C-alpha atoms as a PDB file:
ATOM      1  CA  MET A   1       1.449  -5.840  -7.836  1.00  0.00           C
ATOM      2  CA  ILE A   2       0.048  -3.735  -5.031  1.00  0.00           C
ATOM      3  CA  GLY A   3       0.408  -0.062  -5.785  1.00  0.00           C
ATOM      4  CA  GLY A   4      -0.373  -0.590  -9.452  1.00  0.00           C
ATOM      5  CA  GLU A   5      -1.370  -3.784 -11.171  1.00  0.00           C
ATOM      6  CA  MET A   6      -3.280  -6.557  -9.386  1.00  0.00           C
ATOM      7  CA  ARG A   7      -4.877  -4.131  -6.968  1.00  0.00           C
ATOM      8  CA  ARG A   8      -8.514  -4.929  -7.804  1.00  0.00           C
ATOM      9  CA  LEU A   9      -9.153  -8.371  -6.360  1.00  0.00           C
ATOM     10  CA  LEU A  10     -12.290 -10.495  -6.620  1.00  0.00           C
ATOM     11  CA  VAL A  11     -12.679 -13.207  -3.961  1.00  0.00           C
ATOM     12  CA  ILE A  12     -15.279 -15.856  -4.751  1.00  0.00           C
ATOM     13  CA  GLY A  13     -16.717 -17.778  -1.815  1.00  0.00           C
ATOM     14  CA  THR A  14     -18.267 -16.769   1.487  1.00  0.00           C
ATOM     15  CA  GLY A  15     -17.752 -20.013   3.434  1.00  0.00           C
ATOM     16  CA  GLN A  16     -14.831 -20.873   5.704  1.00  0.00           C
ATOM     17  CA  MET A  17     -12.068 -19.406   3.562  1.00  0.00           C
ATOM     18  CA  GLY A  18     -13.266 -16.551   1.349  1.00  0.00           C
ATOM     19  CA  PRO A  19     -13.864 -13.876   4.015  1.00  0.00           C
ATOM     20  CA  GLY A  20     -10.482 -14.531   5.642  1.00  0.00           C
ATOM     21  CA  ILE A  21      -8.678 -14.356   2.300  1.00  0.00           C
ATOM     22  CA  ALA A  22     -10.508 -11.111   1.563  1.00  0.00           C
ATOM     23  CA  LEU A  23      -9.475  -9.702   4.946  1.00  0.00           C
ATOM     24  CA  SER A  24      -5.812 -10.565   4.375  1.00  0.00           C
ATOM     25  CA  ALA A  25      -5.905  -8.902   0.965  1.00  0.00           C
ATOM     26  CA  ALA A  26      -7.704  -5.800   2.205  1.00  0.00           C
ATOM     27  CA  ARG A  27      -5.150  -5.420   5.007  1.00  0.00           C
ATOM     28  CA  GLY A  28      -2.501  -5.617   2.305  1.00  0.00           C
ATOM     29  CA  GLY A  29      -3.941  -2.730   0.307  1.00  0.00           C
ATOM     30  CA  CYS A  30      -6.121  -4.479  -2.260  1.00  0.00           C
ATOM     31  CA  GLN A  31      -9.531  -3.170  -3.232  1.00  0.00           C
ATOM     32  CA  VAL A  32     -11.453  -6.377  -2.569  1.00  0.00           C
ATOM     33  CA  THR A  33     -14.851  -7.459  -3.834  1.00  0.00           C
ATOM     34  CA  LEU A  34     -16.298 -10.455  -2.002  1.00  0.00           C
ATOM     35  CA  TYR A  35     -18.796 -12.403  -4.109  1.00  0.00           C
ATOM     36  CA  GLY A  36     -21.675 -14.388  -2.621  1.00  0.00           C
ATOM     37  CA  ARG A  37     -24.269 -16.371  -4.548  1.00  0.00           C
ATOM     38  CA  SER A  38     -27.155 -14.882  -2.534  1.00  0.00           C
ATOM     39  CA  GLU A  39     -27.773 -11.849  -0.367  1.00  0.00           C
ATOM     40  CA  SER A  40     -27.892 -14.059   2.727  1.00  0.00           C
ATOM     41  CA  SER A  41     -24.605 -15.828   1.989  1.00  0.00           C
ATOM     42  CA  LEU A  42     -22.950 -12.508   1.198  1.00  0.00           C
ATOM     43  CA  ALA A  43     -24.214 -11.036   4.463  1.00  0.00           C
ATOM     44  CA  ARG A  44     -22.749 -14.005   6.365  1.00  0.00           C
ATOM     45  CA  GLY A  45     -19.456 -13.609   4.536  1.00  0.00           C
ATOM     46  CA  LEU A  46     -19.195  -9.909   5.343  1.00  0.00           C
ATOM     47  CA  GLU A  47     -20.131 -10.611   8.951  1.00  0.00           C
ATOM     48  CA  THR A  48     -17.320 -13.183   9.147  1.00  0.00           C
ATOM     49  CA  TYR A  49     -14.944 -10.645   7.571  1.00  0.00           C
ATOM     50  CA  ARG A  50     -15.808  -7.983  10.140  1.00  0.00           C
ATOM     51  CA  ALA A  51     -15.628 -10.425  13.048  1.00  0.00           C
ATOM     52  CA  GLY A  52     -12.119 -11.389  11.961  1.00  0.00           C
ATOM     53  CA  LEU A  53     -11.115  -7.757  11.663  1.00  0.00           C
ATOM     54  CA  ALA A  54     -12.571  -6.990  15.095  1.00  0.00           C
ATOM     55  CA  ALA A  55     -10.523  -9.820  16.637  1.00  0.00           C
ATOM     56  CA  LEU A  56      -7.333  -8.502  15.021  1.00  0.00           C
ATOM     57  CA  ARG A  57      -8.144  -5.064  16.416  1.00  0.00           C
ATOM     58  CA  GLN A  58      -8.950  -6.443  19.882  1.00  0.00           C
ATOM     59  CA  TYR A  59      -5.560  -8.146  20.112  1.00  0.00           C
ATOM     60  CA  GLU A  60      -3.789  -5.056  18.681  1.00  0.00           C
ATOM     61  CA  ILE A  61      -2.478  -7.007  15.704  1.00  0.00           C
ATOM     62  CA  VAL A  62      -3.806  -4.121  13.614  1.00  0.00           C
ATOM     63  CA  ASP A  63      -4.051  -0.542  14.837  1.00  0.00           C
ATOM     64  CA  PRO A  64      -7.150   1.660  14.382  1.00  0.00           C
ATOM     65  CA  ASP A  65      -5.872   3.163  11.123  1.00  0.00           C
ATOM     66  CA  GLU A  66      -5.106  -0.257   9.646  1.00  0.00           C
ATOM     67  CA  ALA A  67      -8.524  -1.523  10.686  1.00  0.00           C
ATOM     68  CA  ALA A  68     -10.220   1.487   9.085  1.00  0.00           C
ATOM     69  CA  ARG A  69      -8.332   0.936   5.824  1.00  0.00           C
ATOM     70  CA  ALA A  70      -9.251  -2.755   5.793  1.00  0.00           C
ATOM     71  CA  GLU A  71     -12.914  -1.846   6.320  1.00  0.00           C
ATOM     72  CA  ALA A  72     -12.763   0.718   3.519  1.00  0.00           C
ATOM     73  CA  ASN A  73     -11.144  -1.791   1.156  1.00  0.00           C
ATOM     74  CA  ILE A  74     -13.986  -4.351   1.184  1.00  0.00           C
ATOM     75  CA  THR A  75     -17.216  -4.380  -0.797  1.00  0.00           C
ATOM     76  CA  GLY A  76     -19.661  -7.205  -1.414  1.00  0.00           C
ATOM     77  CA  THR A  77     -21.661  -8.249  -4.437  1.00  0.00           C
ATOM     78  CA  THR A  78     -23.957 -10.931  -5.783  1.00  0.00           C
ATOM     79  CA  ASP A  79     -23.304  -9.811  -9.372  1.00  0.00           C
ATOM     80  CA  LEU A  80     -20.453 -12.034 -10.539  1.00  0.00           C
ATOM     81  CA  ASP A  81     -20.535 -10.779 -14.108  1.00  0.00           C
ATOM     82  CA  ALA A  82     -19.958  -7.143 -13.178  1.00  0.00           C
ATOM     83  CA  ALA A  83     -17.326  -7.950 -10.562  1.00  0.00           C
ATOM     84  CA  ALA A  84     -15.383 -10.248 -12.900  1.00  0.00           C
ATOM     85  CA  ARG A  85     -15.226  -7.573 -15.611  1.00  0.00           C
ATOM     86  CA  GLN A  86     -13.458  -5.227 -13.164  1.00  0.00           C
ATOM     87  CA  ALA A  87     -11.057  -7.732 -11.588  1.00  0.00           C
ATOM     88  CA  GLU A  88      -7.321  -7.769 -12.163  1.00  0.00           C
ATOM     89  CA  TRP A  89      -6.983 -10.915 -10.049  1.00  0.00           C
ATOM     90  CA  VAL A  90      -9.507 -13.536  -8.952  1.00  0.00           C
ATOM     91  CA  ILE A  91      -9.083 -15.882  -5.987  1.00  0.00           C
ATOM     92  CA  GLU A  92     -11.698 -18.619  -6.013  1.00  0.00           C
ATOM     93  CA  SER A  93     -12.612 -20.606  -2.920  1.00  0.00           C
ATOM     94  CA  ILE A  94     -15.579 -22.818  -3.767  1.00  0.00           C
ATOM     95  CA  ALA A  95     -16.105 -26.530  -3.072  1.00  0.00           C
ATOM     96  CA  GLU A  96     -13.305 -29.047  -3.745  1.00  0.00           C
ATOM     97  CA  ASP A  97     -14.936 -30.319  -6.919  1.00  0.00           C
ATOM     98  CA  LEU A  98     -12.949 -30.199 -10.146  1.00  0.00           C
ATOM     99  CA  ALA A  99     -15.988 -30.122 -12.420  1.00  0.00           C
ATOM    100  CA  ALA A 100     -17.534 -27.243 -10.469  1.00  0.00           C
ATOM    101  CA  LYS A 101     -14.275 -25.303 -10.556  1.00  0.00           C
ATOM    102  CA  GLN A 102     -13.840 -25.884 -14.302  1.00  0.00           C
ATOM    103  CA  GLU A 103     -17.381 -24.656 -14.941  1.00  0.00           C
ATOM    104  CA  LEU A 104     -16.679 -21.513 -12.923  1.00  0.00           C
ATOM    105  CA  TYR A 105     -13.363 -20.903 -14.676  1.00  0.00           C
ATOM    106  CA  GLN A 106     -14.983 -21.195 -18.084  1.00  0.00           C
ATOM    107  CA  ARG A 107     -17.375 -18.458 -17.030  1.00  0.00           C
ATOM    108  CA  LEU A 108     -14.599 -16.299 -15.564  1.00  0.00           C
ATOM    109  CA  ASP A 109     -12.527 -16.769 -18.710  1.00  0.00           C
ATOM    110  CA  ALA A 110     -15.355 -15.313 -20.758  1.00  0.00           C
ATOM    111  CA  LEU A 111     -16.037 -12.435 -18.352  1.00  0.00           C
ATOM    112  CA  CYS A 112     -12.638 -11.258 -17.113  1.00  0.00           C
ATOM    113  CA  PRO A 113     -10.303  -8.968 -19.063  1.00  0.00           C
ATOM    114  CA  PRO A 114      -7.609 -10.876 -20.990  1.00  0.00           C
ATOM    115  CA  GLU A 115      -4.860  -9.932 -18.526  1.00  0.00           C
ATOM    116  CA  THR A 116      -6.759 -11.048 -15.394  1.00  0.00           C
ATOM    117  CA  ILE A 117      -5.030 -13.755 -13.357  1.00  0.00           C
ATOM    118  CA  LEU A 118      -7.190 -16.594 -12.023  1.00  0.00           C
ATOM    119  CA  THR A 119      -6.120 -18.517  -8.919  1.00  0.00           C
ATOM    120  CA  SER A 120      -7.781 -21.257  -6.897  1.00  0.00           C
ATOM    121  CA  ASN A 121      -7.662 -21.756  -3.156  1.00  0.00           C
ATOM    122  CA  THR A 122      -7.877 -25.496  -3.642  1.00  0.00           C
ATOM    123  CA  SER A 123      -6.579 -27.801  -0.922  1.00  0.00           C
ATOM    124  CA  GLY A 124      -5.086 -30.221  -3.384  1.00  0.00           C
ATOM    125  CA  LEU A 125      -6.414 -30.112  -6.968  1.00  0.00           C
ATOM    126  CA  ARG A 126      -3.979 -29.303  -9.771  1.00  0.00           C
ATOM    127  CA  ALA A 127      -3.775 -25.882 -11.374  1.00  0.00           C
ATOM    128  CA  THR A 128      -3.200 -27.589 -14.732  1.00  0.00           C
ATOM    129  CA  ASP A 129      -6.532 -29.409 -14.547  1.00  0.00           C
ATOM    130  CA  ILE A 130      -8.446 -26.310 -13.433  1.00  0.00           C
ATOM    131  CA  GLY A 131      -6.808 -24.108 -16.068  1.00  0.00           C
ATOM    132  CA  ALA A 132      -7.551 -26.597 -18.853  1.00  0.00           C
ATOM    133  CA  ALA A 133     -11.103 -25.247 -18.890  1.00  0.00           C
ATOM    134  CA  THR A 134      -9.876 -21.806 -19.972  1.00  0.00           C
ATOM    135  CA  ARG A 135      -8.223 -20.143 -22.942  1.00  0.00           C
ATOM    136  CA  ARG A 136      -5.620 -18.685 -20.552  1.00  0.00           C
ATOM    137  CA  PRO A 137      -4.003 -21.679 -18.801  1.00  0.00           C
ATOM    138  CA  GLU A 138      -0.753 -19.718 -18.515  1.00  0.00           C
ATOM    139  CA  GLN A 139      -2.597 -17.337 -16.159  1.00  0.00           C
ATOM    140  CA  VAL A 140      -4.171 -19.979 -13.893  1.00  0.00           C
ATOM    141  CA  LEU A 141      -2.462 -20.999 -10.632  1.00  0.00           C
ATOM    142  CA  THR A 142      -3.429 -22.339  -7.261  1.00  0.00           C
ATOM    143  CA  THR A 143      -2.948 -20.169  -4.192  1.00  0.00           C
ATOM    144  CA  HIS A 144      -3.599 -22.407  -1.204  1.00  0.00           C
ATOM    145  CA  PHE A 145      -4.340 -20.431   1.952  1.00  0.00           C
ATOM    146  CA  TRP A 146      -4.491 -22.221   5.311  1.00  0.00           C
ATOM    147  CA  ASN A 147      -7.415 -22.104   7.709  1.00  0.00           C
ATOM    148  CA  PRO A 148      -8.114 -19.690   9.359  1.00  0.00           C
ATOM    149  CA  PRO A 149      -6.798 -17.619   6.441  1.00  0.00           C
ATOM    150  CA  HIS A 150      -6.903 -14.233   8.171  1.00  0.00           C
ATOM    151  CA  LEU A 151      -4.391 -15.613  10.725  1.00  0.00           C
ATOM    152  CA  MET A 152      -2.357 -18.374   9.084  1.00  0.00           C
ATOM    153  CA  GLU A 153       0.572 -16.906   7.175  1.00  0.00           C
ATOM    154  CA  LEU A 154       1.350 -19.584   4.597  1.00  0.00           C
ATOM    155  CA  VAL A 155       0.133 -19.484   1.004  1.00  0.00           C
ATOM    156  CA  GLU A 156       1.312 -22.219  -1.346  1.00  0.00           C
ATOM    157  CA  VAL A 157       1.568 -20.914  -4.918  1.00  0.00           C
ATOM    158  CA  VAL A 158       1.483 -23.616  -7.578  1.00  0.00           C
ATOM    159  CA  PRO A 159       1.824 -22.813 -11.284  1.00  0.00           C
ATOM    160  CA  GLY A 160       0.201 -25.085 -13.843  1.00  0.00           C
ATOM    161  CA  GLU A 161       2.245 -26.948 -16.413  1.00  0.00           C
ATOM    162  CA  ARG A 162       1.570 -24.249 -19.033  1.00  0.00           C
ATOM    163  CA  ASN A 163       2.003 -21.322 -16.669  1.00  0.00           C
ATOM    164  CA  ASP A 164       3.969 -18.202 -17.547  1.00  0.00           C
ATOM    165  CA  PRO A 165       6.816 -17.928 -14.957  1.00  0.00           C
ATOM    166  CA  ALA A 166       6.522 -14.139 -14.976  1.00  0.00           C
ATOM    167  CA  ILE A 167       2.904 -14.416 -13.815  1.00  0.00           C
ATOM    168  CA  THR A 168       3.905 -16.797 -11.028  1.00  0.00           C
ATOM    169  CA  GLU A 169       6.467 -14.252  -9.840  1.00  0.00           C
ATOM    170  CA  ARG A 170       3.839 -11.497  -9.894  1.00  0.00           C
ATOM    171  CA  VAL A 171       1.488 -13.565  -7.726  1.00  0.00           C
ATOM    172  CA  LEU A 172       4.250 -14.442  -5.258  1.00  0.00           C
ATOM    173  CA  ALA A 173       5.372 -10.826  -5.036  1.00  0.00           C
ATOM    174  CA  ALA A 174       1.815  -9.558  -4.595  1.00  0.00           C
ATOM    175  CA  LEU A 175       1.020 -11.990  -1.779  1.00  0.00           C
ATOM    176  CA  ASN A 176       4.257 -11.265   0.040  1.00  0.00           C
ATOM    177  CA  SER A 177       3.672  -7.514  -0.344  1.00  0.00           C
ATOM    178  CA  TRP A 178       0.505  -7.750   1.782  1.00  0.00           C
ATOM    179  CA  GLY A 179       2.734  -7.997   4.845  1.00  0.00           C
ATOM    180  CA  ASN A 180       0.626 -10.698   6.507  1.00  0.00           C
ATOM    181  CA  LYS A 181       1.388 -13.670   4.266  1.00  0.00           C
ATOM    182  CA  VAL A 182       4.406 -15.857   3.527  1.00  0.00           C
ATOM    183  CA  ALA A 183       3.985 -17.094  -0.036  1.00  0.00           C
ATOM    184  CA  VAL A 184       6.075 -20.071  -1.143  1.00  0.00           C
ATOM    185  CA  LEU A 185       6.578 -21.566  -4.591  1.00  0.00           C
ATOM    186  CA  VAL A 186       5.660 -25.198  -5.224  1.00  0.00           C
ATOM    187  CA  LYS A 187       7.785 -26.119  -8.231  1.00  0.00           C
ATOM    188  CA  LYS A 188       5.674 -29.025  -9.517  1.00  0.00           C
ATOM    189  CA  ASP A 189       1.910 -29.126  -9.980  1.00  0.00           C
ATOM    190  CA  ILE A 190       1.113 -32.220  -7.923  1.00  0.00           C
ATOM    191  CA  LEU A 191      -2.029 -33.282  -6.084  1.00  0.00           C
ATOM    192  CA  GLY A 192      -2.009 -32.057  -2.490  1.00  0.00           C
ATOM    193  CA  GLN A 193       0.709 -29.424  -2.940  1.00  0.00           C
ATOM    194  CA  LEU A 194       3.168 -29.453   0.001  1.00  0.00           C
ATOM    195  CA  GLY A 195       1.432 -28.969   3.310  1.00  0.00           C
ATOM    196  CA  ASN A 196      -1.482 -31.301   2.667  1.00  0.00           C
ATOM    197  CA  ARG A 197       0.794 -34.083   1.463  1.00  0.00           C
ATOM    198  CA  MET A 198       2.766 -33.786   4.717  1.00  0.00           C
ATOM    199  CA  GLN A 199      -0.408 -33.535   6.780  1.00  0.00           C
ATOM    200  CA  HIS A 200      -2.146 -36.494   5.142  1.00  0.00           C
ATOM    201  CA  ALA A 201       0.949 -38.687   5.350  1.00  0.00           C
ATOM    202  CA  LEU A 202       0.817 -38.126   9.112  1.00  0.00           C
ATOM    203  CA  LEU A 203      -2.955 -38.573   9.200  1.00  0.00           C
ATOM    204  CA  ARG A 204      -2.746 -41.910   7.403  1.00  0.00           C
ATOM    205  CA  GLU A 205      -0.395 -43.279  10.070  1.00  0.00           C
ATOM    206  CA  VAL A 206      -2.412 -41.805  12.959  1.00  0.00           C
ATOM    207  CA  ILE A 207      -5.632 -43.405  11.720  1.00  0.00           C
ATOM    208  CA  TYR A 208      -3.807 -46.706  11.250  1.00  0.00           C
ATOM    209  CA  LEU A 209      -2.509 -46.599  14.840  1.00  0.00           C
ATOM    210  CA  LEU A 210      -6.054 -45.916  16.054  1.00  0.00           C
ATOM    211  CA  GLN A 211      -7.458 -48.690  13.889  1.00  0.00           C
ATOM    212  CA  GLU A 212      -4.925 -51.220  15.209  1.00  0.00           C
ATOM    213  CA  GLY A 213      -5.629 -50.293  18.840  1.00  0.00           C
ATOM    214  CA  VAL A 214      -2.108 -49.052  19.513  1.00  0.00           C
ATOM    215  CA  ALA A 215      -3.555 -46.021  21.348  1.00  0.00           C
ATOM    216  CA  ASP A 216      -6.914 -44.303  21.749  1.00  0.00           C
ATOM    217  CA  ALA A 217      -7.824 -41.148  19.865  1.00  0.00           C
ATOM    218  CA  GLU A 218      -7.291 -38.833  22.835  1.00  0.00           C
ATOM    219  CA  THR A 219      -3.761 -40.151  23.369  1.00  0.00           C
ATOM    220  CA  LEU A 220      -2.816 -39.834  19.718  1.00  0.00           C
ATOM    221  CA  ASP A 221      -3.918 -36.187  19.607  1.00  0.00           C
ATOM    222  CA  LEU A 222      -2.138 -35.506  22.901  1.00  0.00           C
ATOM    223  CA  VAL A 223       1.134 -36.966  21.602  1.00  0.00           C
ATOM    224  CA  LEU A 224       1.032 -34.622  18.627  1.00  0.00           C
ATOM    225  CA  LYS A 225       0.199 -31.544  20.711  1.00  0.00           C
ATOM    226  CA  LYS A 226       2.847 -32.191  23.354  1.00  0.00           C
ATOM    227  CA  SER A 227       5.753 -33.339  21.157  1.00  0.00           C
ATOM    228  CA  PHE A 228       6.805 -32.221  17.694  1.00  0.00           C
ATOM    229  CA  GLY A 229       3.643 -30.145  17.271  1.00  0.00           C
ATOM    230  CA  LEU A 230       4.758 -27.911  20.126  1.00  0.00           C
ATOM    231  CA  ARG A 231       8.188 -27.164  18.664  1.00  0.00           C
ATOM    232  CA  SER A 232       7.132 -26.962  15.000  1.00  0.00           C
ATOM    233  CA  PRO A 233       6.743 -23.148  14.879  1.00  0.00           C
ATOM    234  CA  ILE A 234      10.456 -22.873  15.650  1.00  0.00           C
ATOM    235  CA  ILE A 235      12.076 -25.991  14.203  1.00  0.00           C
ATOM    236  CA  GLY A 236      11.016 -27.549  10.911  1.00  0.00           C
ATOM    237  CA  GLN A 237      11.098 -31.280  10.243  1.00  0.00           C
ATOM    238  CA  LEU A 238      14.265 -31.194   8.145  1.00  0.00           C
ATOM    239  CA  GLU A 239      16.034 -28.845  10.557  1.00  0.00           C
ATOM    240  CA  SER A 240      15.110 -31.117  13.462  1.00  0.00           C
ATOM    241  CA  ASN A 241      16.561 -34.182  11.761  1.00  0.00           C
ATOM    242  CA  ASP A 242      19.748 -32.356  10.855  1.00  0.00           C
ATOM    243  CA  LEU A 243      20.123 -31.448  14.525  1.00  0.00           C
ATOM    244  CA  VAL A 244      19.593 -35.073  15.546  1.00  0.00           C
ATOM    245  CA  GLY A 245      22.124 -36.279  12.961  1.00  0.00           C
ATOM    246  CA  LEU A 246      21.247 -38.035   9.719  1.00  0.00           C
ATOM    247  CA  GLN A 247      23.090 -41.201  10.717  1.00  0.00           C
ATOM    248  CA  THR A 248      20.584 -41.622  13.552  1.00  0.00           C
ATOM    249  CA  VAL A 249      17.656 -40.709  11.288  1.00  0.00           C
ATOM    250  CA  LEU A 250      18.795 -43.267   8.726  1.00  0.00           C
ATOM    251  CA  ALA A 251      19.089 -45.989  11.333  1.00  0.00           C
ATOM    252  CA  ILE A 252      15.525 -45.330  12.498  1.00  0.00           C
ATOM    253  CA  GLN A 253      14.147 -45.113   8.968  1.00  0.00           C
ATOM    254  CA  ARG A 254      15.697 -48.449   8.048  1.00  0.00           C
ATOM    255  CA  TYR A 255      13.777 -50.378  10.709  1.00  0.00           C
ATOM    256  CA  LEU A 256      10.667 -48.150  10.939  1.00  0.00           C
ATOM    257  CA  ASN A 257       9.708 -47.430   7.331  1.00  0.00           C
ATOM    258  CA  PRO A 258       8.908 -51.077   6.477  1.00  0.00           C
ATOM    259  CA  VAL A 259       6.259 -51.203   9.216  1.00  0.00           C
ATOM    260  CA  LEU A 260       4.601 -47.815   8.633  1.00  0.00           C
ATOM    261  CA  TYR A 261       1.163 -47.959   7.029  1.00  0.00           C
ATOM    262  CA  ASN A 262       1.593 -47.660   3.269  1.00  0.00           C
ATOM    263  CA  GLY A 263      -1.718 -48.879   1.876  1.00  0.00           C
ATOM    264  CA  PRO A 264      -2.606 -47.428  -1.530  1.00  0.00           C
ATOM    265  CA  SER A 265      -5.982 -46.197  -0.266  1.00  0.00           C
ATOM    266  CA  ALA A 266      -7.426 -44.740   2.925  1.00  0.00           C
ATOM    267  CA  PRO A 267      -7.230 -46.910   6.061  1.00  0.00           C
ATOM    268  CA  PRO A 268     -10.292 -49.188   6.434  1.00  0.00           C
ATOM    269  CA  LEU A 269     -11.315 -47.431   9.661  1.00  0.00           C
ATOM    270  CA  LEU A 270     -11.832 -44.152   7.808  1.00  0.00           C
ATOM    271  CA  GLU A 271     -13.856 -45.881   5.078  1.00  0.00           C
ATOM    272  CA  GLN A 272     -15.989 -47.556   7.743  1.00  0.00           C
ATOM    273  CA  LEU A 273     -16.702 -44.389   9.705  1.00  0.00           C
ATOM    274  CA  VAL A 274     -17.840 -42.499   6.614  1.00  0.00           C
ATOM    275  CA  ALA A 275     -19.985 -45.425   5.430  1.00  0.00           C
ATOM    276  CA  GLU A 276     -21.707 -45.497   8.827  1.00  0.00           C
ATOM    277  CA  GLY A 277     -22.397 -41.755   8.716  1.00  0.00           C
ATOM    278  CA  HIS A 278     -19.885 -40.849  11.420  1.00  0.00           C
ATOM    279  CA  LEU A 279     -18.453 -37.783   9.687  1.00  0.00           C
ATOM    280  CA  GLY A 280     -16.894 -35.943  12.605  1.00  0.00           C
ATOM    281  CA  ALA A 281     -17.960 -32.983  14.721  1.00  0.00           C
ATOM    282  CA  ALA A 282     -21.019 -32.238  12.560  1.00  0.00           C
ATOM    283  CA  THR A 283     -22.565 -35.652  13.273  1.00  0.00           C
ATOM    284  CA  GLY A 284     -21.356 -36.061  16.865  1.00  0.00           C
ATOM    285  CA  LYS A 285     -18.836 -38.785  16.131  1.00  0.00           C
ATOM    286  CA  GLY A 286     -15.815 -39.295  13.917  1.00  0.00           C
ATOM    287  CA  LEU A 287     -12.289 -40.203  14.852  1.00  0.00           C
ATOM    288  CA  ARG A 288     -13.143 -38.516  18.161  1.00  0.00           C
ATOM    289  CA  ASP A 289     -16.383 -38.549  20.173  1.00  0.00           C
ATOM    290  CA  TRP A 290     -18.118 -35.142  19.989  1.00  0.00           C
ATOM    291  CA  SER A 291     -21.308 -36.032  21.844  1.00  0.00           C
ATOM    292  CA  ASN A 292     -20.245 -34.009  24.906  1.00  0.00           C
ATOM    293  CA  ARG A 293     -17.971 -31.498  23.182  1.00  0.00           C
ATOM    294  CA  ASP A 294     -18.770 -28.224  21.423  1.00  0.00           C
ATOM    295  CA  PRO A 295     -16.702 -27.964  18.224  1.00  0.00           C
ATOM    296  CA  ASN A 296     -17.181 -24.199  18.197  1.00  0.00           C
ATOM    297  CA  GLU A 297     -15.393 -23.978  21.529  1.00  0.00           C
ATOM    298  CA  LEU A 298     -12.412 -25.760  19.988  1.00  0.00           C
ATOM    299  CA  ARG A 299     -12.485 -23.465  16.951  1.00  0.00           C
ATOM    300  CA  GLN A 300     -12.551 -20.460  19.272  1.00  0.00           C
ATOM    301  CA  LEU A 301      -9.673 -21.883  21.302  1.00  0.00           C
ATOM    302  CA  ARG A 302      -7.671 -22.292  18.089  1.00  0.00           C
ATOM    303  CA  GLN A 303      -8.383 -18.713  17.074  1.00  0.00           C
ATOM    304  CA  THR A 304      -7.521 -17.340  20.514  1.00  0.00           C
ATOM    305  CA  TYR A 305      -4.237 -19.262  20.548  1.00  0.00           C
ATOM    306  CA  LEU A 306      -3.274 -17.900  17.129  1.00  0.00           C
ATOM    307  CA  LEU A 307      -4.359 -14.356  17.991  1.00  0.00           C
ATOM    308  CA  GLU A 308      -2.302 -14.406  21.180  1.00  0.00           C
ATOM    309  CA  TRP A 309       0.712 -15.785  19.314  1.00  0.00           C
ATOM    310  CA  PHE A 310       0.551 -13.097  16.621  1.00  0.00           C
ATOM    311  CA  ALA A 311      -0.105 -10.413  19.220  1.00  0.00           C
ATOM    312  CA  ALA A 312       3.079 -11.474  20.997  1.00  0.00           C
ATOM    313  CA  GLN A 313       5.014 -11.288  17.721  1.00  0.00           C
ATOM    314  CA  LYS A 314       3.611  -7.816  17.068  1.00  0.00           C
ATOM    315  CA  ARG A 315       4.681  -6.639  20.531  1.00  0.00           C
ATOM    316  CA  LYS A 316       8.206  -7.898  19.869  1.00  0.00           C
ATOM    317  CA  GLN A 317       8.313  -6.022  16.559  1.00  0.00           C
ATOM    318  CA  ARG A 318       7.168  -2.813  18.214  1.00  0.00           C
ATOM    319  CA  ALA A 319       9.694  -3.189  21.037  1.00  0.00           C
ATOM    320  CA  SER A 320      12.545  -3.760  18.568  1.00  0.00           C
ATOM    321  CA  ARG A 321      11.720  -0.490  16.778  1.00  0.00           C
ATOM    322  CA  GLN A 322      11.832   1.569  19.976  1.00  0.00           C
END
């Protein structure tokens, strides 16, 4: 745990997630090494790290001393072998490809000290399957951070089927000790963990409604933003239904569940869009039309919203201590 064991952390991946995970860990007191496959990718990763730190400083979510410590706690490398030999804990965030992850974990297993814990920031693969490539499956877990990871608090910790419970507790305690993460235990190693299963159950129905012409894409997104999405930071789904009354929830479920989309595969509309090369913002069209929209503006709006929300929480904390 921080302040002793699991202080030297190796973060693998310089794309969307790795730099933000590294920033969260460095803020929490870890000595973090960020690994990039090339000098250019490492430079981009460190630039993303520092941009995230600068935004936290701008919104006074971290003070100057905290920012200085976070800057001092990060180093970068393209030498995986040397970094792995020094790591007490590895968080991997490469592509969502089981074979690629297993190949990496075989290499880490050979390089890392025997006590090193290996965790994957997978969005939905199983820790058991990733750890099967190693001689230390009891020390392999998934730690699913949410995007953007330097702002989103949740980390889903999932032990594999052969995991040592004491190691799971160490990982949970370490993440929670950073002070900027809320780590939760997922008790069964299932595909999709918790959040992505919830999210994709909703997505499946939303795409179906779009496919059937019940509403256009803009309306469907607007309904989410202006209804339960707006209250979700305060009231969870189960809390909300308890407030409504389960007798009412049951009555609705009895007539609604039979007509919800429950196909065993993705809705045909999604299959069609991908087959036609309409992959989303990157290609100009997906479920929404991006031909006249800048996706980076939306990403920036998301970040600004989250920064302002956390800044408000920080101000409340400071006021309560005065």
